[in-house]
Amino acid sequence: MAQSGNEAAVSAAVEALRKAMIAGDRSALDKIAMVRHVFHGTRRKEGDKVKLYTLLIWLQQQDQWKLLARQAAKL
């Protein structure tokens, strides 16, 4: 099945990212807005401690940043 223009563009971006990661091309990697952090918190009702590894993916559209994806995993 042939890819649409958008699918082909995304596939090309994924391949470019793969190559930049292998090559350690910092300038290419800096074009991707990714935020990684560890979140520490306490649940309000139970009082349990929470520790999450979080990844946020942002895209700049005109003068604003839009959150595209967020993923968290319990540590």
N, C-alpha and C. Protein backbone atom coordinates (compact mmCIF):
# COMPACT_ATOMS: atom_id res chain seq x y z
N MET A 1 0.84 -1.18 0.00
CA MET A 1 0.00 0.00 0.00
C MET A 1 0.89 1.25 0.00
N ALA A 2 0.63 2.18 -0.84
CA ALA A 2 1.41 3.41 -0.94
C ALA A 2 1.12 4.32 0.25
N GLN A 3 2.14 5.05 0.67
CA GLN A 3 1.99 5.98 1.78
C GLN A 3 1.45 7.31 1.27
N SER A 4 0.66 7.96 2.12
CA SER A 4 0.21 9.31 1.80
C SER A 4 1.40 10.26 1.97
N GLY A 5 1.24 11.49 1.53
CA GLY A 5 2.30 12.47 1.69
C GLY A 5 2.70 12.67 3.14
N ASN A 6 1.71 12.73 4.04
CA ASN A 6 1.99 12.90 5.46
C ASN A 6 2.71 11.69 6.04
N GLU A 7 2.27 10.51 5.67
CA GLU A 7 2.92 9.29 6.17
C GLU A 7 4.37 9.21 5.71
N ALA A 8 4.60 9.56 4.46
CA ALA A 8 5.97 9.56 3.92
C ALA A 8 6.83 10.58 4.65
N ALA A 9 6.27 11.75 4.94
CA ALA A 9 7.02 12.80 5.64
C ALA A 9 7.37 12.35 7.06
N VAL A 10 6.44 11.71 7.74
CA VAL A 10 6.71 11.21 9.10
C VAL A 10 7.75 10.10 9.04
N SER A 11 7.64 9.21 8.09
CA SER A 11 8.63 8.14 7.94
C SER A 11 10.02 8.71 7.69
N ALA A 12 10.10 9.75 6.87
CA ALA A 12 11.38 10.39 6.60
C ALA A 12 11.93 11.05 7.86
N ALA A 13 11.07 11.66 8.66
CA ALA A 13 11.50 12.30 9.91
C ALA A 13 12.01 11.26 10.90
N VAL A 14 11.34 10.12 10.97
CA VAL A 14 11.79 9.04 11.86
C VAL A 14 13.15 8.52 11.42
N GLU A 15 13.33 8.34 10.12
CA GLU A 15 14.62 7.87 9.60
C GLU A 15 15.71 8.90 9.86
N ALA A 16 15.42 10.17 9.69
CA ALA A 16 16.39 11.23 9.96
C ALA A 16 16.78 11.23 11.44
N LEU A 17 15.81 11.03 12.32
CA LEU A 17 16.08 10.96 13.76
C LEU A 17 16.97 9.76 14.06
N ARG A 18 16.67 8.61 13.47
CA ARG A 18 17.47 7.40 13.69
C ARG A 18 18.93 7.65 13.29
N LYS A 19 19.12 8.23 12.13
CA LYS A 19 20.48 8.51 11.64
C LYS A 19 21.19 9.53 12.53
N ALA A 20 20.47 10.57 12.99
CA ALA A 20 21.07 11.58 13.86
C ALA A 20 21.48 10.98 15.19
N MET A 21 20.67 10.05 15.72
CA MET A 21 21.01 9.41 16.99
C MET A 21 22.25 8.54 16.84
N ILE A 22 22.33 7.80 15.74
CA ILE A 22 23.49 6.94 15.51
C ILE A 22 24.75 7.79 15.33
N ALA A 23 24.63 8.88 14.59
CA ALA A 23 25.79 9.73 14.30
C ALA A 23 26.13 10.68 15.45
N GLY A 24 25.22 10.84 16.41
CA GLY A 24 25.44 11.80 17.48
C GLY A 24 25.41 13.23 16.97
N ASP A 25 24.55 13.47 15.98
CA ASP A 25 24.43 14.79 15.35
C ASP A 25 23.59 15.71 16.22
N ARG A 26 24.26 16.46 17.09
CA ARG A 26 23.56 17.31 18.07
C ARG A 26 22.66 18.35 17.40
N SER A 27 23.12 18.97 16.32
CA SER A 27 22.31 20.01 15.67
C SER A 27 21.01 19.43 15.14
N ALA A 28 21.05 18.22 14.61
CA ALA A 28 19.82 17.59 14.13
C ALA A 28 18.93 17.20 15.29
N LEU A 29 19.53 16.72 16.37
CA LEU A 29 18.73 16.29 17.53
C LEU A 29 18.09 17.47 18.25
N ASP A 30 18.73 18.63 18.21
CA ASP A 30 18.19 19.81 18.88
C ASP A 30 16.94 20.36 18.21
N LYS A 31 16.61 19.90 16.98
CA LYS A 31 15.40 20.34 16.30
C LYS A 31 14.14 19.70 16.90
N ILE A 32 14.34 18.59 17.69
CA ILE A 32 13.19 17.85 18.25
C ILE A 32 12.99 18.29 19.68
N ALA A 33 11.80 18.82 20.02
CA ALA A 33 11.54 19.31 21.38
C ALA A 33 11.05 18.15 22.25
N MET A 34 11.96 17.60 23.02
CA MET A 34 11.63 16.52 23.94
C MET A 34 12.05 16.94 25.33
N VAL A 35 11.22 16.62 26.30
CA VAL A 35 11.53 16.91 27.70
C VAL A 35 11.40 15.61 28.47
N ARG A 36 12.45 15.28 29.19
CA ARG A 36 12.42 14.08 30.03
C ARG A 36 12.69 14.51 31.46
N HIS A 37 11.92 13.97 32.39
CA HIS A 37 12.17 14.29 33.79
C HIS A 37 11.60 13.21 34.68
N VAL A 38 12.03 13.25 35.93
CA VAL A 38 11.50 12.34 36.94
C VAL A 38 10.59 13.16 37.84
N PHE A 39 9.35 12.71 37.99
CA PHE A 39 8.35 13.38 38.80
C PHE A 39 8.25 12.68 40.15
N HIS A 40 8.38 13.45 41.23
CA HIS A 40 8.21 12.93 42.59
C HIS A 40 6.98 13.59 43.18
N GLY A 41 6.10 12.81 43.75
CA GLY A 41 4.89 13.38 44.35
C GLY A 41 4.32 12.47 45.41
N THR A 42 3.25 12.94 46.02
CA THR A 42 2.53 12.19 47.03
C THR A 42 1.05 12.19 46.67
N ARG A 43 0.43 11.01 46.67
CA ARG A 43 -1.00 10.93 46.38
C ARG A 43 -1.78 11.58 47.52
N ARG A 44 -2.76 12.39 47.16
CA ARG A 44 -3.48 13.17 48.17
C ARG A 44 -4.20 12.31 49.20
N LYS A 45 -5.02 11.37 48.76
CA LYS A 45 -5.85 10.61 49.69
C LYS A 45 -5.06 9.52 50.41
N GLU A 46 -4.28 8.75 49.67
CA GLU A 46 -3.57 7.61 50.26
C GLU A 46 -2.26 8.00 50.94
N GLY A 47 -1.65 9.10 50.50
CA GLY A 47 -0.38 9.51 51.05
C GLY A 47 0.81 8.73 50.51
N ASP A 48 0.57 7.86 49.52
CA ASP A 48 1.65 7.07 48.91
C ASP A 48 2.58 7.98 48.13
N LYS A 49 3.86 7.63 48.16
CA LYS A 49 4.85 8.35 47.35
C LYS A 49 4.75 7.85 45.91
N VAL A 50 4.90 8.77 44.97
CA VAL A 50 4.84 8.44 43.55
C VAL A 50 6.13 8.92 42.89
N LYS A 51 6.71 8.07 42.06
CA LYS A 51 7.90 8.45 41.31
C LYS A 51 7.70 7.98 39.87
N LEU A 52 7.66 8.93 38.93
CA LEU A 52 7.40 8.63 37.53
C LEU A 52 8.52 9.17 36.65
N TYR A 53 8.87 8.41 35.63
CA TYR A 53 9.76 8.89 34.58
C TYR A 53 8.83 9.39 33.48
N THR A 54 8.97 10.64 33.07
CA THR A 54 8.03 11.26 32.14
C THR A 54 8.75 11.77 30.90
N LEU A 55 8.13 11.56 29.75
CA LEU A 55 8.63 12.07 28.48
C LEU A 55 7.52 12.90 27.84
N LEU A 56 7.85 14.13 27.46
CA LEU A 56 6.92 15.04 26.79
C LEU A 56 7.47 15.38 25.41
N ILE A 57 6.62 15.37 24.41
CA ILE A 57 7.00 15.74 23.05
C ILE A 57 6.21 16.98 22.67
N TRP A 58 6.92 18.04 22.28
CA TRP A 58 6.31 19.33 21.96
C TRP A 58 6.57 19.70 20.51
N LEU A 59 5.65 20.43 19.92
CA LEU A 59 5.78 20.92 18.56
C LEU A 59 5.47 22.41 18.55
N GLN A 60 6.34 23.18 17.93
CA GLN A 60 6.09 24.62 17.84
C GLN A 60 5.21 24.90 16.64
N GLN A 61 4.10 25.56 16.88
CA GLN A 61 3.18 25.97 15.82
C GLN A 61 2.99 27.47 15.94
N GLN A 62 3.48 28.19 14.95
CA GLN A 62 3.49 29.64 14.96
C GLN A 62 4.22 30.11 16.21
N ASP A 63 3.58 30.84 17.10
CA ASP A 63 4.26 31.35 18.29
C ASP A 63 3.96 30.55 19.55
N GLN A 64 3.36 29.38 19.41
CA GLN A 64 2.98 28.59 20.58
C GLN A 64 3.55 27.18 20.48
N TRP A 65 3.78 26.56 21.64
CA TRP A 65 4.20 25.17 21.69
C TRP A 65 2.99 24.31 22.03
N LYS A 66 2.81 23.23 21.29
CA LYS A 66 1.69 22.33 21.49
C LYS A 66 2.23 20.98 21.97
N LEU A 67 1.63 20.46 23.04
CA LEU A 67 2.02 19.15 23.55
C LEU A 67 1.43 18.08 22.65
N LEU A 68 2.29 17.30 22.02
CA LEU A 68 1.82 16.24 21.12
C LEU A 68 1.63 14.92 21.83
N ALA A 69 2.53 14.62 22.77
CA ALA A 69 2.46 13.31 23.44
C ALA A 69 3.08 13.41 24.81
N ARG A 70 2.57 12.58 25.72
CA ARG A 70 3.11 12.48 27.06
C ARG A 70 3.07 11.01 27.44
N GLN A 71 4.19 10.52 27.95
CA GLN A 71 4.23 9.14 28.41
C GLN A 71 4.91 9.10 29.75
N ALA A 72 4.36 8.33 30.67
CA ALA A 72 4.95 8.21 31.99
C ALA A 72 5.04 6.73 32.36
N ALA A 73 6.10 6.40 33.08
CA ALA A 73 6.29 5.03 33.55
C ALA A 73 6.67 5.09 35.02
N LYS A 74 6.07 4.21 35.80
CA LYS A 74 6.35 4.18 37.23
C LYS A 74 7.75 3.63 37.48
N LEU A 75 8.48 4.33 38.34
CA LEU A 75 9.84 3.87 38.71
C LEU A 75 9.81 3.15 40.02
